[in-house]
């Protein structure tokens, strides 16, 4: 309804003085929707097109104003640029930064241009068009090279592109200017860069640690003052400072985990960061999780799937598993094959699941013939959208290598990687009875501890930062996977992550054979591809296959004892799989 209304308002505003504002408001809402509903980017291209239209109008207006000698930005508060020991420059009072938090109607023409280019860059980022994202942020920064929002966002794109020094430069500049820590994600962004390369900034880790050790007490005091407030803004202010402290403590955890190897100090910061994170969330609803698994088992029984259902296609390859299980490694290996494409974290199938469910329920009431026809069409539509999504990303990718030369043939397989789809195997099998479903499983405590120590974007993995909720989520995952093996025996192909990292040359041919594509040695050099990977595993998969991190949780075993007790006998995963390394 909101989208229809905003589209109508935009259409009505065409050729009026407010056309650019109506365009921006529509595009902003489409971008916002994409952050909360992951459906394979249904509205991403529309958002990009509408932002681009708005920018064309704004650029024309800016040129006219420049020609007429008119002011193109608001007068900023004057500050002496000289840095003193006892005071900080207020960069939100200079340049275009003082317009960042103004509403669109109050921004100058250059403020509008910067805000719109930055939001376009963020949309490109969400669409896996990372080079385009950088270009868009560069356009903004051509108006003001200190525009904090664009610097922060460009840094995130640089990380995905493996340009850690450029990312770190942007992040450190934001840290220097953003004394109010309104862009807290640059702290963990810089820590990720340093984790990949200690030399990306002068002074390495010590430069960041010195800043954080001085800043954490100040943020704690600000949080305490916020808790004493009683006005309507108190909750938002508390969340802001808790979020900043979460980022800071997680960065300090990485420093001690990677650099100093001081396990006690690392754990202190990790547990404190997670404590701040959990303090802003609603209590975990364990009853809901238990009921969700129970309902799944009751619905998907052996007689659920009628004969002759779904599509015959083998085009999709689904990767499922628990979080931090090694799915990104598996996807990158597959994507290195010229006939297989990995399209990132935004699952087309998962995003369309609600409408698929509704259409299936309606069709089931119309008779068997209608039901089978509807299911096949739903499957075909998913495949069409997967291909379209790849074509858009491919057409908008400007790699350091000519990717078109790598894919002399059109791909025949498209990887849909959404780990939470382990809950949806029943629907996957209904639509795609012949599609490959790869379940990658990692040594339980390695996977669980990795989930605990990583700060995921807001959403489905919020509650991995607390022992009780994390254990319940893991037990639910194991319950569901055991159910699929019982009601659909042999349908899911299990792969042990440890087998991949210990014997990739032995495992890769078997995986490709299962995928129905010929052997290609390029998959063994997957880490050499100039392919952007937007996951928390970005820095790891660029290093190739390595096994030194196996059993990494053991370093923290004394602190994880309560979690071990909650996992119980499932600290072992005796997985039955037909894909085993050649040395087995």
Protein backbone atom coordinates (compact mmCIF):
# COMPACT_ATOMS: atom_id res chain seq x y z
CA UNK A 1 0.00 0.00 0.00
CA UNK A 2 2.80 2.44 0.90
CA UNK A 3 4.62 1.66 -2.34
CA UNK A 4 1.48 2.18 -4.42
CA UNK A 5 0.80 5.49 -2.67
CA UNK A 6 4.36 6.75 -3.15
CA UNK A 7 4.37 5.67 -6.80
CA UNK A 8 1.16 7.60 -7.34
CA UNK A 9 2.57 10.68 -5.62
CA UNK A 10 5.71 10.45 -7.74
CA UNK A 11 3.66 10.16 -10.92
CA UNK A 12 1.58 13.17 -9.91
CA UNK A 13 4.73 15.20 -9.19
CA UNK A 14 6.30 14.71 -12.63
CA UNK A 15 7.16 18.06 -14.24
CA UNK A 16 6.51 19.92 -10.97
CA UNK A 17 9.10 21.61 -8.70
CA UNK A 18 8.71 18.73 -6.21
CA UNK A 19 9.40 15.89 -8.65
CA UNK A 20 12.86 15.20 -7.22
CA UNK A 21 11.51 15.05 -3.65
CA UNK A 22 8.73 12.64 -4.61
CA UNK A 23 11.28 10.46 -6.43
CA UNK A 24 13.63 10.39 -3.44
CA UNK A 25 10.84 9.51 -1.02
CA UNK A 26 9.72 6.59 -3.21
CA UNK A 27 13.27 5.32 -3.70
CA UNK A 28 14.03 5.63 0.02
CA UNK A 29 11.02 3.51 0.92
CA UNK A 30 11.96 0.87 -1.65
CA UNK A 31 15.48 0.79 -0.18
CA UNK A 32 14.10 0.55 3.35
CA UNK A 33 11.83 -2.33 2.35
CA UNK A 34 14.82 -4.20 0.97
CA UNK A 35 16.58 -3.99 4.34
CA UNK A 36 13.65 -5.59 6.20
CA UNK A 37 12.29 -8.03 3.59
CA UNK A 38 14.90 -10.18 1.87
CA UNK A 39 13.13 -11.39 -1.27
CA UNK A 40 15.93 -11.47 -3.80
CA UNK A 41 15.84 -7.74 -4.41
CA UNK A 42 12.35 -7.39 -5.90
CA UNK A 43 12.42 -3.57 -5.79
CA UNK A 44 16.15 -2.92 -6.01
CA UNK A 45 16.27 -2.00 -9.69
CA UNK A 46 13.22 0.24 -9.35
CA UNK A 47 14.91 2.03 -6.45
CA UNK A 48 18.09 2.47 -8.50
CA UNK A 49 16.13 3.84 -11.47
CA UNK A 50 14.13 6.27 -9.34
CA UNK A 51 17.23 7.51 -7.47
CA UNK A 52 18.94 8.00 -10.85
CA UNK A 53 15.99 10.03 -12.14
CA UNK A 54 16.08 12.21 -9.04
CA UNK A 55 19.81 12.75 -9.44
CA UNK A 56 19.39 13.77 -13.07
CA UNK A 57 16.91 16.44 -11.98
CA UNK A 58 19.15 17.58 -9.12
CA UNK A 59 22.24 17.79 -11.32
CA UNK A 60 20.35 19.95 -13.84
CA UNK A 61 19.16 22.22 -11.04
CA UNK A 62 22.67 22.45 -9.57
CA UNK A 63 24.17 23.45 -12.92
CA UNK A 64 21.55 26.18 -13.39
CA UNK A 65 22.18 27.52 -9.90
CA UNK A 66 25.95 27.55 -10.51
CA UNK A 67 25.44 29.39 -13.80
CA UNK A 68 23.27 31.99 -12.04
CA UNK A 69 25.72 32.40 -9.18
CA UNK A 70 23.27 31.10 -6.56
CA UNK A 71 24.30 29.44 -3.30
CA UNK A 72 24.28 25.65 -3.65
CA UNK A 73 24.75 24.74 0.01
CA UNK A 74 23.68 26.10 3.36
CA UNK A 75 26.07 28.30 5.28
CA UNK A 76 27.92 26.14 7.77
CA UNK A 77 28.91 27.17 11.26
CA UNK A 78 32.40 28.61 11.12
CA UNK A 79 35.08 26.75 13.06
CA UNK A 80 38.80 27.11 13.31
CA UNK A 81 40.27 24.06 11.59
CA UNK A 82 43.29 24.03 13.90
CA UNK A 83 43.22 20.99 16.22
CA UNK A 84 43.93 21.68 19.90
CA UNK A 85 44.80 19.19 22.60
CA UNK A 86 41.79 20.07 24.73
CA UNK A 87 39.08 20.29 22.11
CA UNK A 88 37.74 18.44 19.10
CA UNK A 89 36.65 19.87 15.81
CA UNK A 90 32.93 19.61 15.18
CA UNK A 91 32.82 18.17 11.69
CA UNK A 92 29.02 18.14 11.75
CA UNK A 93 29.17 21.95 11.60
CA UNK A 94 31.32 22.11 8.49
CA UNK A 95 30.82 21.38 4.82
CA UNK A 96 27.76 19.30 4.00
CA UNK A 97 27.96 17.15 7.14
CA UNK A 98 25.80 19.61 9.04
CA UNK A 99 23.00 18.76 6.60
CA UNK A 100 23.17 14.96 7.05
CA UNK A 101 20.34 14.80 9.59
CA UNK A 102 18.13 17.51 8.07
CA UNK A 103 14.93 16.46 6.35
CA UNK A 104 14.97 16.65 2.56
CA UNK A 105 12.95 19.84 2.44
CA UNK A 106 15.59 21.61 4.53
CA UNK A 107 18.66 20.43 2.62
CA UNK A 108 20.51 22.53 0.08
CA UNK A 109 20.88 21.33 -3.51
CA UNK A 110 24.34 19.92 -2.75
CA UNK A 111 23.04 18.38 0.49
CA UNK A 112 20.34 16.64 -1.55
CA UNK A 113 22.87 15.47 -4.13
CA UNK A 114 25.16 14.00 -1.48
CA UNK A 115 22.33 12.30 0.42
CA UNK A 116 20.85 10.84 -2.77
CA UNK A 117 24.17 9.62 -4.20
CA UNK A 118 24.92 8.00 -0.84
CA UNK A 119 21.55 6.25 -0.71
CA UNK A 120 21.98 5.11 -4.30
CA UNK A 121 25.36 3.69 -3.31
CA UNK A 122 23.78 1.82 -0.40
CA UNK A 123 21.18 0.37 -2.77
CA UNK A 124 23.89 -0.78 -5.17
CA UNK A 125 25.63 -2.38 -2.19
CA UNK A 126 22.49 -4.30 -1.19
CA UNK A 127 22.16 -5.36 -4.83
CA UNK A 128 25.69 -6.87 -4.83
CA UNK A 129 26.87 -4.19 -7.28
CA UNK A 130 29.81 -3.12 -5.16
CA UNK A 131 31.86 -1.31 -7.82
CA UNK A 132 28.78 0.76 -8.68
CA UNK A 133 28.34 1.49 -4.98
CA UNK A 134 31.87 2.91 -4.80
CA UNK A 135 31.26 5.02 -7.91
CA UNK A 136 28.09 6.47 -6.42
CA UNK A 137 29.80 7.36 -3.14
CA UNK A 138 32.62 8.94 -5.14
CA UNK A 139 30.06 11.17 -6.84
CA UNK A 140 28.85 12.36 -3.46
CA UNK A 141 32.39 12.92 -2.21
CA UNK A 142 33.14 15.06 -5.26
CA UNK A 143 30.88 17.67 -3.64
CA UNK A 144 32.37 17.24 -0.17
CA UNK A 145 35.29 14.86 0.39
CA UNK A 146 34.49 14.76 4.12
CA UNK A 147 30.86 13.66 3.85
CA UNK A 148 30.82 11.12 6.68
CA UNK A 149 27.90 8.95 5.53
CA UNK A 150 29.47 8.37 2.10
CA UNK A 151 32.92 7.65 3.57
CA UNK A 152 31.46 5.11 5.99
CA UNK A 153 29.42 3.39 3.27
CA UNK A 154 32.25 3.42 0.71
CA UNK A 155 34.47 1.74 3.28
CA UNK A 156 31.98 -1.12 3.63
CA UNK A 157 31.98 -1.60 -0.15
CA UNK A 158 35.78 -1.53 -0.28
CA UNK A 159 35.90 -4.38 2.26
CA UNK A 160 33.72 -6.57 0.05
CA UNK A 161 35.98 -5.77 -2.92
CA UNK A 162 39.04 -6.79 -0.90
CA UNK A 163 40.45 -3.25 -0.89
CA UNK A 164 41.27 -3.21 2.81
CA UNK A 165 43.68 -0.27 2.79
CA UNK A 166 41.17 1.98 1.02
CA UNK A 167 38.43 0.82 3.41
CA UNK A 168 40.60 1.43 6.45
CA UNK A 169 41.49 4.93 5.23
CA UNK A 170 37.79 5.80 4.95
CA UNK A 171 36.94 4.26 8.33
CA UNK A 172 39.79 5.97 10.17
CA UNK A 173 38.84 9.32 8.66
CA UNK A 174 35.27 8.85 9.90
CA UNK A 175 36.50 7.86 13.36
CA UNK A 176 38.58 11.04 13.50
CA UNK A 177 35.70 13.29 12.44
CA UNK A 178 32.73 11.52 14.08
CA UNK A 179 33.38 12.42 17.70
CA UNK A 180 29.76 11.61 18.58
CA UNK A 181 30.18 8.06 17.21
CA UNK A 182 27.02 8.27 15.13
CA UNK A 183 28.56 5.80 12.66
CA UNK A 184 29.61 3.04 15.04
CA UNK A 185 29.93 0.38 12.36
CA UNK A 186 33.20 1.94 11.20
CA UNK A 187 34.82 0.61 14.39
CA UNK A 188 34.15 -3.03 13.54
CA UNK A 189 34.77 -2.25 9.87
CA UNK A 190 38.27 -1.04 10.70
CA UNK A 191 38.81 -4.09 12.92
CA UNK A 192 37.91 -6.34 9.98
CA UNK A 193 40.47 -4.56 7.82
CA UNK A 194 43.16 -4.95 10.47
CA UNK A 195 42.26 -8.61 10.88
CA UNK A 196 42.97 -9.07 7.17
CA UNK A 197 46.11 -6.90 7.13
CA UNK A 198 47.73 -5.32 10.17
CA UNK A 199 49.44 -2.70 8.00
CA UNK A 200 46.37 -1.04 6.45
CA UNK A 201 46.79 2.02 8.69
CA UNK A 202 49.85 3.61 10.28
CA UNK A 203 50.43 2.04 13.67
CA UNK A 204 48.28 -0.98 12.85
CA UNK A 205 46.06 -2.31 15.62
CA UNK A 206 47.64 -0.03 18.23
CA UNK A 207 46.19 3.07 16.53
CA UNK A 208 42.66 1.72 16.89
CA UNK A 209 43.17 0.26 20.36
CA UNK A 210 44.55 3.54 21.72
CA UNK A 211 41.48 5.34 20.44
CA UNK A 212 39.06 2.74 21.84
CA UNK A 213 40.65 2.52 25.27
CA UNK A 214 40.26 6.28 25.62
CA UNK A 215 36.75 6.34 24.17
CA UNK A 216 35.02 3.39 25.87
CA UNK A 217 34.83 5.05 29.33
CA UNK A 218 33.38 8.19 27.75
CA UNK A 219 30.69 6.17 25.99
CA UNK A 220 29.88 4.30 29.23
CA UNK A 221 29.34 7.64 30.99
CA UNK A 222 27.09 8.81 28.14
CA UNK A 223 25.06 5.59 28.40
CA UNK A 224 24.62 6.07 32.14
CA UNK A 225 23.40 9.64 31.62
CA UNK A 226 20.96 8.41 28.96
CA UNK A 227 19.53 5.88 31.40
CA UNK A 228 18.73 8.72 33.77
CA UNK A 229 16.61 10.49 31.15
CA UNK A 230 12.84 10.21 31.30
CA UNK A 231 11.81 11.83 28.01
CA UNK A 232 10.61 10.08 24.86
CA UNK A 233 14.09 10.00 23.33
CA UNK A 234 15.64 8.03 26.19
CA UNK A 235 15.13 4.57 24.65
CA UNK A 236 16.67 5.57 21.32
CA UNK A 237 19.60 7.27 23.06
CA UNK A 238 20.24 4.24 25.26
CA UNK A 239 20.17 1.97 22.21
CA UNK A 240 22.61 4.25 20.39
CA UNK A 241 25.24 4.16 23.13
CA UNK A 242 24.75 0.44 23.75
CA UNK A 243 25.26 -0.17 20.04
CA UNK A 244 28.44 1.92 20.00
CA UNK A 245 29.83 0.06 23.00
CA UNK A 246 28.96 -3.25 21.36
CA UNK A 247 31.00 -2.31 18.29
CA UNK A 248 33.92 -1.11 20.42
CA UNK A 249 34.10 -4.20 22.60
CA UNK A 250 33.80 -6.51 19.60
CA UNK A 251 36.72 -4.68 17.97
CA UNK A 252 38.75 -5.10 21.17
CA UNK A 253 37.85 -8.79 21.18
CA UNK A 254 39.25 -9.17 17.68
CA UNK A 255 42.43 -7.37 18.74
CA UNK A 256 43.08 -9.71 21.65
CA UNK A 257 41.86 -12.81 19.81
CA UNK A 258 44.05 -12.21 16.75
CA UNK A 259 46.91 -9.96 17.84
CA UNK A 260 47.74 -10.44 21.51
CA UNK A 261 46.32 -13.98 21.83
CA UNK A 262 45.17 -12.97 25.33
CA UNK A 263 42.14 -15.23 25.71
CA UNK A 264 40.98 -13.76 29.04
CA UNK A 265 41.02 -10.19 27.75
CA UNK A 266 39.40 -11.26 24.49
CA UNK A 267 36.59 -13.04 26.33
CA UNK A 268 36.03 -10.06 28.63
CA UNK A 269 35.41 -7.79 25.66
CA UNK A 270 33.35 -10.33 23.71
CA UNK A 271 31.01 -11.05 26.60
CA UNK A 272 30.69 -7.34 27.38
CA UNK A 273 29.92 -6.49 23.75
CA UNK A 274 27.27 -9.20 23.57
CA UNK A 275 25.82 -8.00 26.87
CA UNK A 276 25.35 -4.52 25.40
CA UNK A 277 23.80 -6.03 22.27
CA UNK A 278 21.31 -8.19 24.17
CA UNK A 279 20.34 -5.28 26.45
CA UNK A 280 18.56 -3.60 23.53
CA UNK A 281 16.61 -6.68 22.37
CA UNK A 282 13.29 -8.08 23.53
CA UNK A 283 13.59 -11.32 25.55
CA UNK A 284 14.09 -14.44 23.47
CA UNK A 285 10.81 -16.28 22.82
CA UNK A 286 11.78 -19.90 23.40
CA UNK A 287 8.16 -21.11 23.28
CA UNK A 288 7.79 -19.64 19.79
CA UNK A 289 10.91 -21.45 18.57
CA UNK A 290 9.76 -24.76 20.01
CA UNK A 291 6.30 -24.35 18.48
CA UNK A 292 7.79 -23.46 15.08
CA UNK A 293 9.74 -26.71 14.95
CA UNK A 294 6.78 -28.72 16.23
CA UNK A 295 4.44 -27.31 13.59
CA UNK A 296 6.96 -28.06 10.85
CA UNK A 297 7.13 -31.71 11.91
CA UNK A 298 3.35 -31.99 12.03
CA UNK A 299 2.86 -30.49 8.56
CA UNK A 300 5.65 -32.19 6.62
CA UNK A 301 4.94 -35.86 7.03
CA UNK A 302 5.83 -38.62 4.51
CA UNK A 303 2.51 -38.25 2.65
CA UNK A 304 2.78 -34.48 2.17
CA UNK A 305 4.37 -34.52 -1.31
CA UNK A 306 2.11 -35.77 -4.14
CA UNK A 307 3.53 -37.65 -7.11
CA UNK A 308 4.31 -35.62 -10.23
CA UNK A 309 4.63 -32.35 -8.37
CA UNK A 310 6.89 -29.38 -9.07
CA UNK A 311 9.35 -28.58 -11.80
CA UNK A 312 11.78 -31.02 -13.41
CA UNK A 313 14.52 -28.38 -13.47
CA UNK A 314 17.86 -28.85 -11.75
CA UNK A 315 18.79 -25.19 -12.19
CA UNK A 316 18.76 -24.12 -8.52
CA UNK A 317 21.30 -25.41 -6.03
CA UNK A 318 20.24 -24.74 -2.46
CA UNK A 319 22.80 -24.38 0.34
CA UNK A 320 21.46 -24.72 3.86
CA UNK A 321 22.89 -25.17 7.36
CA UNK A 322 23.43 -23.55 10.71
CA UNK A 323 25.00 -20.10 10.79
CA UNK A 324 28.83 -19.96 10.46
CA UNK A 325 28.93 -23.49 9.09
CA UNK A 326 31.12 -22.88 6.02
CA UNK A 327 28.39 -22.13 3.50
CA UNK A 328 30.28 -19.19 1.97
CA UNK A 329 33.27 -21.41 1.24
CA UNK A 330 31.02 -23.95 -0.48
CA UNK A 331 29.27 -21.27 -2.52
CA UNK A 332 32.57 -19.73 -3.66
CA UNK A 333 33.86 -23.15 -4.73
CA UNK A 334 30.71 -23.71 -6.79
CA UNK A 335 30.75 -20.19 -8.22
CA UNK A 336 34.27 -20.71 -9.54
CA UNK A 337 32.82 -23.23 -12.02
CA UNK A 338 31.92 -21.54 -15.33
CA UNK A 339 28.46 -23.16 -15.39
CA UNK A 340 27.51 -22.24 -11.81
CA UNK A 341 26.66 -18.82 -10.38
CA UNK A 342 26.50 -17.79 -6.74
CA UNK A 343 24.21 -14.82 -6.17
CA UNK A 344 25.02 -14.02 -2.54
CA UNK A 345 22.95 -13.95 0.62
CA UNK A 346 19.68 -12.61 -0.79
CA UNK A 347 17.67 -15.77 -1.49
CA UNK A 348 15.06 -15.37 -4.21
CA UNK A 349 13.23 -18.49 -3.02
CA UNK A 350 13.22 -17.51 0.64
CA UNK A 351 12.05 -14.00 -0.14
CA UNK A 352 9.07 -15.30 -2.08
CA UNK A 353 8.15 -18.00 0.41
CA UNK A 354 5.19 -16.19 1.97
CA UNK A 355 3.47 -15.69 -1.38
CA UNK A 356 4.41 -19.25 -2.42
CA UNK A 357 2.72 -20.61 0.71
CA UNK A 358 -0.40 -18.55 0.10
CA UNK A 359 -0.66 -19.58 -3.54
CA UNK A 360 -0.16 -23.25 -2.65
CA UNK A 361 -2.91 -23.12 -0.03
CA UNK A 362 -5.34 -21.54 -2.51
CA UNK A 363 -4.44 -24.03 -5.24
CA UNK A 364 -4.84 -27.02 -2.90
CA UNK A 365 -8.50 -26.11 -2.51
CA UNK A 366 -9.07 -26.10 -6.28
CA UNK A 367 -8.24 -29.73 -6.98
CA UNK A 368 -5.19 -31.84 -7.78
CA UNK A 369 -4.74 -30.58 -11.35
CA UNK A 370 -4.78 -26.93 -10.35
CA UNK A 371 -2.46 -27.66 -7.44
CA UNK A 372 0.21 -29.35 -9.59
CA UNK A 373 0.02 -26.64 -12.25
CA UNK A 374 0.35 -23.87 -9.67
CA UNK A 375 3.34 -25.47 -7.98
CA UNK A 376 5.15 -25.88 -11.30
CA UNK A 377 4.50 -22.25 -12.26
CA UNK A 378 5.74 -21.03 -8.87
CA UNK A 379 8.94 -23.03 -9.37
CA UNK A 380 9.44 -21.72 -12.89
CA UNK A 381 8.92 -18.13 -11.70
CA UNK A 382 11.59 -18.54 -9.01
CA UNK A 383 14.10 -19.79 -11.60
CA UNK A 384 13.29 -16.93 -13.98
CA UNK A 385 13.84 -14.41 -11.19
CA UNK A 386 17.12 -16.05 -10.14
CA UNK A 387 18.41 -15.74 -13.71
CA UNK A 388 17.20 -12.15 -14.00
CA UNK A 389 18.90 -11.23 -10.74
CA UNK A 390 22.20 -12.68 -11.93
CA UNK A 391 21.92 -10.91 -15.32
CA UNK A 392 21.41 -7.56 -13.58
CA UNK A 393 24.35 -8.08 -11.22
CA UNK A 394 26.57 -9.36 -14.04
CA UNK A 395 25.71 -6.40 -16.28
CA UNK A 396 26.55 -3.96 -13.49
CA UNK A 397 29.81 -5.53 -12.35
CA UNK A 398 33.02 -3.79 -13.33
CA UNK A 399 35.62 -6.23 -12.11
CA UNK A 400 39.36 -5.90 -12.28
CA UNK A 401 39.08 -8.90 -14.58
CA UNK A 402 36.74 -9.32 -17.51
CA UNK A 403 34.24 -11.67 -15.94
CA UNK A 404 32.60 -12.31 -19.29
CA UNK A 405 35.76 -14.05 -20.42
CA UNK A 406 35.53 -16.37 -17.43
CA UNK A 407 32.04 -17.45 -18.41
CA UNK A 408 32.31 -18.32 -22.07
CA UNK A 409 29.18 -20.41 -21.53
CA UNK A 410 25.90 -19.32 -20.04
CA UNK A 411 25.51 -20.71 -16.50
CA UNK A 412 23.09 -23.61 -16.01
CA UNK A 413 23.10 -23.70 -12.20
CA UNK A 414 22.30 -20.88 -9.76
CA UNK A 415 23.20 -21.17 -6.10
CA UNK A 416 20.58 -20.01 -3.59
CA UNK A 417 22.38 -19.67 -0.24
CA UNK A 418 20.13 -18.88 2.68
CA UNK A 419 21.12 -20.87 5.76
CA UNK A 420 17.72 -20.54 7.43
CA UNK A 421 16.21 -22.40 4.48
CA UNK A 422 16.84 -25.59 6.46
CA UNK A 423 13.38 -24.78 7.80
CA UNK A 424 12.03 -24.76 4.24
CA UNK A 425 13.32 -28.02 2.76
CA UNK A 426 9.73 -29.25 2.57
CA UNK A 427 8.74 -26.40 0.27
CA UNK A 428 11.98 -26.62 -1.71
CA UNK A 429 11.26 -30.30 -2.40
CA UNK A 430 7.66 -29.49 -3.33
CA UNK A 431 8.70 -26.99 -6.00
CA UNK A 432 12.04 -28.50 -7.04
CA UNK A 433 12.04 -32.27 -6.43
CA UNK A 434 15.14 -32.69 -8.63
CA UNK A 435 17.17 -29.70 -7.41
CA UNK A 436 20.31 -30.30 -5.38
CA UNK A 437 20.07 -29.40 -1.69
CA UNK A 438 23.49 -29.16 -0.05
CA UNK A 439 23.60 -29.12 3.73
CA UNK A 440 27.02 -28.03 4.99
CA UNK A 441 27.67 -28.94 8.61
CA UNK A 442 30.60 -27.92 10.75
CA UNK A 443 31.96 -29.32 14.00
CA UNK A 444 29.16 -28.15 16.36
CA UNK A 445 31.13 -26.07 18.85
CA UNK A 446 33.21 -24.42 16.11
CA UNK A 447 30.00 -23.34 14.40
CA UNK A 448 28.23 -22.36 17.62
CA UNK A 449 31.16 -20.36 19.05
CA UNK A 450 31.70 -18.65 15.71
CA UNK A 451 28.03 -17.61 15.77
CA UNK A 452 28.41 -16.34 19.34
CA UNK A 453 31.45 -14.19 18.58
CA UNK A 454 30.16 -12.55 15.38
CA UNK A 455 27.89 -9.52 15.29
CA UNK A 456 25.34 -10.20 12.58
CA UNK A 457 23.19 -7.53 10.92
CA UNK A 458 19.85 -7.06 12.72
CA UNK A 459 17.43 -9.87 11.92
CA UNK A 460 17.24 -13.62 12.24
CA UNK A 461 20.54 -14.12 14.08
CA UNK A 462 20.08 -11.55 16.85
CA UNK A 463 19.86 -14.17 19.57
CA UNK A 464 23.11 -15.99 18.82
CA UNK A 465 24.83 -13.63 21.29
CA UNK A 466 23.45 -15.33 24.41
CA UNK A 467 24.07 -18.90 25.56
CA UNK A 468 20.48 -19.94 26.30
CA UNK A 469 18.94 -18.66 23.06
CA UNK A 470 21.91 -19.82 20.96
CA UNK A 471 21.62 -23.34 22.35
CA UNK A 472 17.88 -23.43 21.67
CA UNK A 473 18.41 -22.26 18.08
CA UNK A 474 21.04 -24.94 17.54
CA UNK A 475 18.84 -27.70 18.98
CA UNK A 476 16.01 -26.54 16.73
CA UNK A 477 18.30 -26.78 13.70
CA UNK A 478 19.39 -30.30 14.60
CA UNK A 479 15.78 -31.38 15.27
CA UNK A 480 14.71 -30.11 11.85
CA UNK A 481 17.59 -31.71 9.96
CA UNK A 482 16.89 -35.05 11.65
CA UNK A 483 13.24 -34.70 10.60
CA UNK A 484 14.11 -34.17 6.93
CA UNK A 485 16.36 -37.25 6.95
CA UNK A 486 13.47 -39.22 8.40
CA UNK A 487 10.63 -38.10 6.09
CA UNK A 488 12.75 -37.45 2.97
CA UNK A 489 15.60 -39.94 3.31
CA UNK A 490 18.49 -39.18 1.00
CA UNK A 491 16.91 -35.98 -0.30
CA UNK A 492 19.43 -33.64 1.36
CA UNK A 493 23.11 -34.10 0.48
CA UNK A 494 25.22 -33.59 3.59
CA UNK A 495 28.74 -32.17 3.41
CA UNK A 496 31.15 -31.90 6.31
CA UNK A 497 32.97 -28.57 6.35
CA UNK A 498 36.06 -30.24 7.76
CA UNK A 499 36.17 -32.57 4.75
CA UNK A 500 36.17 -29.54 2.45
CA UNK A 501 39.10 -27.83 4.12
CA UNK A 502 41.15 -30.99 4.63
CA UNK A 503 40.72 -32.47 1.15
CA UNK A 504 39.25 -30.00 -1.33
CA UNK A 505 40.81 -31.80 -4.35
CA UNK A 506 39.08 -34.99 -3.24
CA UNK A 507 35.73 -33.39 -2.38
CA UNK A 508 35.31 -30.90 -5.24
CA UNK A 509 34.89 -33.48 -8.07
CA UNK A 510 32.22 -35.30 -6.07
CA UNK A 511 30.29 -32.09 -5.39
CA UNK A 512 30.39 -31.07 -9.06
CA UNK A 513 29.27 -34.54 -10.11
CA UNK A 514 26.34 -34.23 -7.70
CA UNK A 515 25.55 -30.81 -9.23
CA UNK A 516 25.45 -32.34 -12.72
CA UNK A 517 28.30 -30.30 -14.22
CA UNK A 518 31.63 -31.50 -15.64
CA UNK A 519 34.87 -31.25 -13.71
CA UNK A 520 36.73 -27.94 -13.95
CA UNK A 521 40.00 -27.37 -12.03
CA UNK A 522 39.11 -23.66 -11.64
CA UNK A 523 37.09 -24.56 -8.55
CA UNK A 524 40.29 -25.37 -6.69
CA UNK A 525 41.47 -21.77 -7.23
CA UNK A 526 38.18 -20.16 -6.21
CA UNK A 527 39.92 -17.63 -3.93
CA UNK A 528 41.75 -16.09 -6.91
CA UNK A 529 38.52 -14.95 -8.56
CA UNK A 530 37.81 -11.22 -8.41
CA UNK A 531 34.37 -11.89 -7.05
CA UNK A 532 32.86 -9.79 -4.29
CA UNK A 533 31.48 -11.71 -1.32
CA UNK A 534 29.13 -9.84 1.02
CA UNK A 535 29.21 -11.96 4.16
CA UNK A 536 31.02 -11.97 7.49
CA UNK A 537 33.35 -14.51 5.84
CA UNK A 538 34.52 -11.99 3.21
CA UNK A 539 38.09 -11.76 4.47
CA UNK A 540 38.41 -15.51 5.09
CA UNK A 541 37.28 -16.83 1.70
CA UNK A 542 39.77 -14.55 -0.08
CA UNK A 543 42.54 -16.54 1.60
CA UNK A 544 41.48 -19.88 0.13
CA UNK A 545 41.21 -23.11 2.10
CA UNK A 546 42.97 -23.35 5.44
CA UNK A 547 42.48 -25.63 8.44
CA UNK A 548 44.32 -23.94 11.32
CA UNK A 549 41.01 -22.60 12.67
CA UNK A 550 39.49 -26.04 13.21
CA UNK A 551 38.66 -26.67 16.88
CA UNK A 552 39.26 -22.95 17.43
CA UNK A 553 36.62 -22.90 20.17
CA UNK A 554 38.94 -24.96 22.39
CA UNK A 555 40.93 -21.82 23.24
CA UNK A 556 37.84 -20.52 25.04
CA UNK A 557 36.63 -23.83 26.48
CA UNK A 558 36.74 -22.71 30.10
CA UNK A 559 34.40 -19.81 29.34
CA UNK A 560 32.10 -21.92 27.16
CA UNK A 561 31.42 -24.60 29.76
CA UNK A 562 27.82 -23.43 30.45
CA UNK A 563 27.12 -23.48 26.71
CA UNK A 564 28.61 -26.96 26.35
CA UNK A 565 26.21 -28.22 29.00
CA UNK A 566 23.27 -26.71 27.13
CA UNK A 567 24.32 -28.39 23.87
CA UNK A 568 24.73 -31.72 25.65
CA UNK A 569 25.31 -34.81 23.52
CA UNK A 570 24.97 -32.75 20.36
CA UNK A 571 28.52 -31.45 20.78
CA UNK A 572 29.13 -34.33 18.37
CA UNK A 573 27.52 -34.49 14.93
CA UNK A 574 27.75 -37.99 13.48
CA UNK A 575 26.62 -36.97 10.03
CA UNK A 576 25.91 -39.65 7.45
CA UNK A 577 27.05 -38.44 4.04
CA UNK A 578 27.71 -39.94 0.63
CA UNK A 579 30.26 -37.21 -0.11
CA UNK A 580 33.46 -38.10 1.70
CA UNK A 581 37.06 -37.13 1.01
CA UNK A 582 39.15 -39.42 -1.15
CA UNK A 583 41.36 -40.26 1.81
CA UNK A 584 38.43 -41.69 3.80
